[in-house]
């Protein structure tokens, strides 16, 4: 059985939209998004099964299971 790659994203700035599109095409499993811009984080989270969003990097790393 092939396992999916699981990653957490830090940042939702201008260039991140290109990264998110590429990861979606590759079938990468986004498990969390960390961003100071909550609106952008929510927008991208909806594209990836409403994955959790964080504004604190350390908290995200402590709570997610990669």
PDB file of N, CA and C in Angstrom:
ATOM      1  N   UNK A   1       0.838  -1.175   0.000  1.00  0.00           N
ATOM      2  CA  UNK A   1       0.000   0.000   0.000  1.00  0.00           C
ATOM      3  C   UNK A   1       0.884   1.240   0.000  1.00  0.00           C
ATOM      4  N   UNK A   2       0.621   2.146  -0.883  1.00  0.00           N
ATOM      5  CA  UNK A   2       1.415   3.362  -1.020  1.00  0.00           C
ATOM      6  C   UNK A   2       0.950   4.397   0.000  1.00  0.00           C
ATOM      7  N   UNK A   3       1.894   4.906   0.809  1.00  0.00           N
ATOM      8  CA  UNK A   3       1.511   5.916   1.790  1.00  0.00           C
ATOM      9  C   UNK A   3       1.653   7.314   1.189  1.00  0.00           C
ATOM     10  N   UNK A   4       0.787   8.206   1.603  1.00  0.00           N
ATOM     11  CA  UNK A   4       0.818   9.575   1.132  1.00  0.00           C
ATOM     12  C   UNK A   4       1.847  10.382   1.907  1.00  0.00           C
ATOM     13  N   UNK A   5       2.452  11.315   1.229  1.00  0.00           N
ATOM     14  CA  UNK A   5       3.351  12.246   1.888  1.00  0.00           C
ATOM     15  C   UNK A   5       2.515  13.219   2.703  1.00  0.00           C
ATOM     16  N   UNK A   6       2.928  13.460   3.938  1.00  0.00           N
ATOM     17  CA  UNK A   6       2.207  14.364   4.836  1.00  0.00           C
ATOM     18  C   UNK A   6       3.124  15.531   5.173  1.00  0.00           C
ATOM     19  N   UNK A   7       2.612  16.761   4.976  1.00  0.00           N
ATOM     20  CA  UNK A   7       3.420  17.935   5.290  1.00  0.00           C
ATOM     21  C   UNK A   7       2.581  18.997   5.996  1.00  0.00           C
ATOM     22  N   UNK A   8       3.288  19.868   6.702  1.00  0.00           N
ATOM     23  CA  UNK A   8       2.679  21.047   7.305  1.00  0.00           C
ATOM     24  C   UNK A   8       3.258  22.258   6.583  1.00  0.00           C
ATOM     25  N   UNK A   9       2.434  23.251   6.359  1.00  0.00           N
ATOM     26  CA  UNK A   9       2.821  24.440   5.605  1.00  0.00           C
ATOM     27  C   UNK A   9       3.019  25.612   6.550  1.00  0.00           C
ATOM     28  N   UNK A  10       4.082  26.371   6.316  1.00  0.00           N
ATOM     29  CA  UNK A  10       4.307  27.602   7.071  1.00  0.00           C
ATOM     30  C   UNK A  10       4.310  28.751   6.068  1.00  0.00           C
ATOM     31  N   UNK A  11       3.341  29.639   6.205  1.00  0.00           N
ATOM     32  CA  UNK A  11       3.261  30.807   5.342  1.00  0.00           C
ATOM     33  C   UNK A  11       2.227  30.658   4.237  1.00  0.00           C
ATOM     34  N   UNK A  12       1.494  31.742   4.002  1.00  0.00           N
ATOM     35  CA  UNK A  12       0.476  31.754   2.950  1.00  0.00           C
ATOM     36  C   UNK A  12       0.597  33.019   2.107  1.00  0.00           C
ATOM     37  N   UNK A  13       1.821  33.452   1.906  1.00  0.00           N
ATOM     38  CA  UNK A  13       2.059  34.653   1.116  1.00  0.00           C
ATOM     39  C   UNK A  13       1.813  34.429  -0.364  1.00  0.00           C
ATOM     40  N   UNK A  14       2.157  35.432  -1.159  1.00  0.00           N
ATOM     41  CA  UNK A  14       1.877  35.427  -2.595  1.00  0.00           C
ATOM     42  C   UNK A  14       2.331  34.150  -3.295  1.00  0.00           C
ATOM     43  N   UNK A  15       3.556  33.728  -3.072  1.00  0.00           N
ATOM     44  CA  UNK A  15       4.094  32.594  -3.815  1.00  0.00           C
ATOM     45  C   UNK A  15       3.533  31.253  -3.353  1.00  0.00           C
ATOM     46  N   UNK A  16       2.956  31.214  -2.160  1.00  0.00           N
ATOM     47  CA  UNK A  16       2.446  29.945  -1.640  1.00  0.00           C
ATOM     48  C   UNK A  16       1.349  29.352  -2.513  1.00  0.00           C
ATOM     49  N   UNK A  17       0.595  30.193  -3.230  1.00  0.00           N
ATOM     50  CA  UNK A  17      -0.488  29.650  -4.067  1.00  0.00           C
ATOM     51  C   UNK A  17       0.062  28.700  -5.124  1.00  0.00           C
ATOM     52  N   UNK A  18       1.264  28.964  -5.626  1.00  0.00           N
ATOM     53  CA  UNK A  18       1.879  28.060  -6.601  1.00  0.00           C
ATOM     54  C   UNK A  18       2.275  26.743  -5.951  1.00  0.00           C
ATOM     55  N   UNK A  19       2.785  26.826  -4.724  1.00  0.00           N
ATOM     56  CA  UNK A  19       3.156  25.612  -4.001  1.00  0.00           C
ATOM     57  C   UNK A  19       1.923  24.776  -3.675  1.00  0.00           C
ATOM     58  N   UNK A  20       0.874  25.439  -3.171  1.00  0.00           N
ATOM     59  CA  UNK A  20      -0.349  24.709  -2.839  1.00  0.00           C
ATOM     60  C   UNK A  20      -0.931  24.006  -4.068  1.00  0.00           C
ATOM     61  N   UNK A  21      -0.939  24.671  -5.198  1.00  0.00           N
ATOM     62  CA  UNK A  21      -1.455  24.051  -6.426  1.00  0.00           C
ATOM     63  C   UNK A  21      -0.634  22.821  -6.801  1.00  0.00           C
ATOM     64  N   UNK A  22       0.676  22.919  -6.689  1.00  0.00           N
ATOM     65  CA  UNK A  22       1.547  21.785  -7.028  1.00  0.00           C
ATOM     66  C   UNK A  22       1.325  20.622  -6.061  1.00  0.00           C
ATOM     67  N   UNK A  23       1.233  20.903  -4.772  1.00  0.00           N
ATOM     68  CA  UNK A  23       1.025  19.825  -3.809  1.00  0.00           C
ATOM     69  C   UNK A  23      -0.326  19.164  -4.016  1.00  0.00           C
ATOM     70  N   UNK A  24      -1.320  19.925  -4.379  1.00  0.00           N
ATOM     71  CA  UNK A  24      -2.640  19.340  -4.629  1.00  0.00           C
ATOM     72  C   UNK A  24      -2.584  18.390  -5.825  1.00  0.00           C
ATOM     73  N   UNK A  25      -1.912  18.814  -6.907  1.00  0.00           N
ATOM     74  CA  UNK A  25      -1.775  17.952  -8.091  1.00  0.00           C
ATOM     75  C   UNK A  25      -0.996  16.680  -7.770  1.00  0.00           C
ATOM     76  N   UNK A  26      -0.029  16.775  -6.863  1.00  0.00           N
ATOM     77  CA  UNK A  26       0.790  15.616  -6.505  1.00  0.00           C
ATOM     78  C   UNK A  26       0.116  14.706  -5.482  1.00  0.00           C
ATOM     79  N   UNK A  27      -1.002  15.147  -4.933  1.00  0.00           N
ATOM     80  CA  UNK A  27      -1.712  14.326  -3.961  1.00  0.00           C
ATOM     81  C   UNK A  27      -1.094  14.326  -2.582  1.00  0.00           C
ATOM     82  N   UNK A  28      -0.325  15.368  -2.274  1.00  0.00           N
ATOM     83  CA  UNK A  28       0.295  15.479  -0.958  1.00  0.00           C
ATOM     84  C   UNK A  28      -0.784  15.767   0.081  1.00  0.00           C
ATOM     85  N   UNK A  29      -0.670  15.151   1.240  1.00  0.00           N
ATOM     86  CA  UNK A  29      -1.629  15.349   2.313  1.00  0.00           C
ATOM     87  C   UNK A  29      -1.145  16.490   3.211  1.00  0.00           C
ATOM     88  N   UNK A  30      -1.803  17.642   3.143  1.00  0.00           N
ATOM     89  CA  UNK A  30      -1.473  18.787   3.984  1.00  0.00           C
ATOM     90  C   UNK A  30      -2.168  18.566   5.328  1.00  0.00           C
ATOM     91  N   UNK A  31      -1.391  18.462   6.423  1.00  0.00           N
ATOM     92  CA  UNK A  31      -1.978  18.168   7.727  1.00  0.00           C
ATOM     93  C   UNK A  31      -2.177  19.407   8.588  1.00  0.00           C
ATOM     94  N   UNK A  32      -1.546  20.535   8.231  1.00  0.00           N
ATOM     95  CA  UNK A  32      -1.713  21.779   8.989  1.00  0.00           C
ATOM     96  C   UNK A  32      -1.130  22.941   8.198  1.00  0.00           C
ATOM     97  N   UNK A  33      -1.660  24.129   8.488  1.00  0.00           N
ATOM     98  CA  UNK A  33      -1.169  25.356   7.866  1.00  0.00           C
ATOM     99  C   UNK A  33      -0.922  26.369   8.973  1.00  0.00           C
ATOM    100  N   UNK A  34       0.255  26.984   8.946  1.00  0.00           N
ATOM    101  CA  UNK A  34       0.600  28.014   9.908  1.00  0.00           C
ATOM    102  C   UNK A  34       0.794  29.328   9.167  1.00  0.00           C
ATOM    103  N   UNK A  35       0.061  30.353   9.596  1.00  0.00           N
ATOM    104  CA  UNK A  35       0.160  31.650   8.952  1.00  0.00           C
ATOM    105  C   UNK A  35      -0.323  32.738   9.902  1.00  0.00           C
ATOM    106  N   UNK A  36       0.272  33.917   9.798  1.00  0.00           N
ATOM    107  CA  UNK A  36      -0.202  35.056  10.573  1.00  0.00           C
ATOM    108  C   UNK A  36      -1.445  35.665   9.940  1.00  0.00           C
ATOM    109  N   UNK A  37      -1.694  35.333   8.666  1.00  0.00           N
ATOM    110  CA  UNK A  37      -2.870  35.826   7.957  1.00  0.00           C
ATOM    111  C   UNK A  37      -3.966  34.756   8.039  1.00  0.00           C
ATOM    112  N   UNK A  38      -4.854  34.923   9.003  1.00  0.00           N
ATOM    113  CA  UNK A  38      -5.873  33.899   9.238  1.00  0.00           C
ATOM    114  C   UNK A  38      -6.799  33.705   8.036  1.00  0.00           C
ATOM    115  N   UNK A  39      -7.159  34.770   7.343  1.00  0.00           N
ATOM    116  CA  UNK A  39      -8.055  34.653   6.189  1.00  0.00           C
ATOM    117  C   UNK A  39      -7.438  33.781   5.101  1.00  0.00           C
ATOM    118  N   UNK A  40      -6.173  33.999   4.808  1.00  0.00           N
ATOM    119  CA  UNK A  40      -5.492  33.175   3.798  1.00  0.00           C
ATOM    120  C   UNK A  40      -5.374  31.734   4.266  1.00  0.00           C
ATOM    121  N   UNK A  41      -5.064  31.525   5.529  1.00  0.00           N
ATOM    122  CA  UNK A  41      -4.945  30.169   6.064  1.00  0.00           C
ATOM    123  C   UNK A  41      -6.264  29.423   5.936  1.00  0.00           C
ATOM    124  N   UNK A  42      -7.362  30.091   6.248  1.00  0.00           N
ATOM    125  CA  UNK A  42      -8.688  29.468   6.126  1.00  0.00           C
ATOM    126  C   UNK A  42      -8.977  29.135   4.667  1.00  0.00           C
ATOM    127  N   UNK A  43      -8.646  30.052   3.772  1.00  0.00           N
ATOM    128  CA  UNK A  43      -8.862  29.834   2.334  1.00  0.00           C
ATOM    129  C   UNK A  43      -8.138  28.563   1.863  1.00  0.00           C
ATOM    130  N   UNK A  44      -6.872  28.425   2.209  1.00  0.00           N
ATOM    131  CA  UNK A  44      -6.117  27.250   1.772  1.00  0.00           C
ATOM    132  C   UNK A  44      -6.549  25.988   2.514  1.00  0.00           C
ATOM    133  N   UNK A  45      -6.925  26.133   3.768  1.00  0.00           N
ATOM    134  CA  UNK A  45      -7.372  24.977   4.548  1.00  0.00           C
ATOM    135  C   UNK A  45      -8.587  24.320   3.897  1.00  0.00           C
ATOM    136  N   UNK A  46      -9.496  25.133   3.351  1.00  0.00           N
ATOM    137  CA  UNK A  46     -10.692  24.591   2.696  1.00  0.00           C
ATOM    138  C   UNK A  46     -10.342  23.734   1.485  1.00  0.00           C
ATOM    139  N   UNK A  47      -9.220  24.025   0.841  1.00  0.00           N
ATOM    140  CA  UNK A  47      -8.789  23.233  -0.312  1.00  0.00           C
ATOM    141  C   UNK A  47      -8.188  21.886   0.096  1.00  0.00           C
ATOM    142  N   UNK A  48      -7.828  21.780   1.370  1.00  0.00           N
ATOM    143  CA  UNK A  48      -7.182  20.562   1.858  1.00  0.00           C
ATOM    144  C   UNK A  48      -7.947  19.982   3.039  1.00  0.00           C
ATOM    145  N   UNK A  49      -9.179  19.621   2.805  1.00  0.00           N
ATOM    146  CA  UNK A  49     -10.011  18.917   3.793  1.00  0.00           C
ATOM    147  C   UNK A  49     -10.108  19.641   5.127  1.00  0.00           C
ATOM    148  N   UNK A  50     -10.125  20.966   5.080  1.00  0.00           N
ATOM    149  CA  UNK A  50     -10.244  21.766   6.306  1.00  0.00           C
ATOM    150  C   UNK A  50      -9.204  21.388   7.359  1.00  0.00           C
ATOM    151  N   UNK A  51      -7.968  21.260   6.907  1.00  0.00           N
ATOM    152  CA  UNK A  51      -6.891  20.920   7.840  1.00  0.00           C
ATOM    153  C   UNK A  51      -6.758  22.033   8.877  1.00  0.00           C
ATOM    154  N   UNK A  52      -6.229  21.701  10.049  1.00  0.00           N
ATOM    155  CA  UNK A  52      -6.093  22.703  11.116  1.00  0.00           C
ATOM    156  C   UNK A  52      -5.197  23.868  10.702  1.00  0.00           C
ATOM    157  N   UNK A  53      -5.526  25.044  11.230  1.00  0.00           N
ATOM    158  CA  UNK A  53      -4.691  26.212  10.978  1.00  0.00           C
ATOM    159  C   UNK A  53      -4.141  26.733  12.305  1.00  0.00           C
ATOM    160  N   UNK A  54      -2.955  27.305  12.237  1.00  0.00           N
ATOM    161  CA  UNK A  54      -2.266  27.820  13.409  1.00  0.00           C
ATOM    162  C   UNK A  54      -1.666  29.180  13.085  1.00  0.00           C
ATOM    163  N   UNK A  55      -1.501  29.987  14.113  1.00  0.00           N
ATOM    164  CA  UNK A  55      -0.757  31.232  13.967  1.00  0.00           C
ATOM    165  C   UNK A  55       0.566  31.152  14.717  1.00  0.00           C
ATOM    166  N   UNK A  56       0.754  30.052  15.452  1.00  0.00           N
ATOM    167  CA  UNK A  56       1.963  29.846  16.235  1.00  0.00           C
ATOM    168  C   UNK A  56       2.685  28.590  15.739  1.00  0.00           C
ATOM    169  N   UNK A  57       3.871  28.775  15.178  1.00  0.00           N
ATOM    170  CA  UNK A  57       4.628  27.666  14.598  1.00  0.00           C
ATOM    171  C   UNK A  57       4.935  26.583  15.625  1.00  0.00           C
ATOM    172  N   UNK A  58       5.423  26.956  16.799  1.00  0.00           N
ATOM    173  CA  UNK A  58       5.789  25.971  17.824  1.00  0.00           C
ATOM    174  C   UNK A  58       4.577  25.144  18.238  1.00  0.00           C
ATOM    175  N   UNK A  59       3.446  25.802  18.422  1.00  0.00           N
ATOM    176  CA  UNK A  59       2.224  25.074  18.804  1.00  0.00           C
ATOM    177  C   UNK A  59       1.845  24.066  17.720  1.00  0.00           C
ATOM    178  N   UNK A  60       1.956  24.477  16.454  1.00  0.00           N
ATOM    179  CA  UNK A  60       1.640  23.567  15.354  1.00  0.00           C
ATOM    180  C   UNK A  60       2.531  22.339  15.399  1.00  0.00           C
ATOM    181  N   UNK A  61       3.827  22.549  15.532  1.00  0.00           N
ATOM    182  CA  UNK A  61       4.775  21.431  15.553  1.00  0.00           C
ATOM    183  C   UNK A  61       4.506  20.506  16.736  1.00  0.00           C
ATOM    184  N   UNK A  62       4.175  21.085  17.880  1.00  0.00           N
ATOM    185  CA  UNK A  62       3.899  20.280  19.074  1.00  0.00           C
ATOM    186  C   UNK A  62       2.615  19.450  18.939  1.00  0.00           C
ATOM    187  N   UNK A  63       1.642  19.941  18.173  1.00  0.00           N
ATOM    188  CA  UNK A  63       0.335  19.288  18.113  1.00  0.00           C
ATOM    189  C   UNK A  63       0.117  18.351  16.923  1.00  0.00           C
ATOM    190  N   UNK A  64       0.836  18.531  15.845  1.00  0.00           N
ATOM    191  CA  UNK A  64       0.560  17.698  14.660  1.00  0.00           C
ATOM    192  C   UNK A  64       1.367  16.422  14.703  1.00  0.00           C
ATOM    193  N   UNK A  65       0.893  15.452  13.974  1.00  0.00           N
ATOM    194  CA  UNK A  65       1.559  14.161  13.863  1.00  0.00           C
ATOM    195  C   UNK A  65       1.956  13.953  12.414  1.00  0.00           C
ATOM    196  N   UNK A  66       3.240  14.204  12.138  1.00  0.00           N
ATOM    197  CA  UNK A  66       3.737  13.965  10.773  1.00  0.00           C
ATOM    198  C   UNK A  66       4.234  12.563  10.753  1.00  0.00           C
TER     199      UNK A  66
END
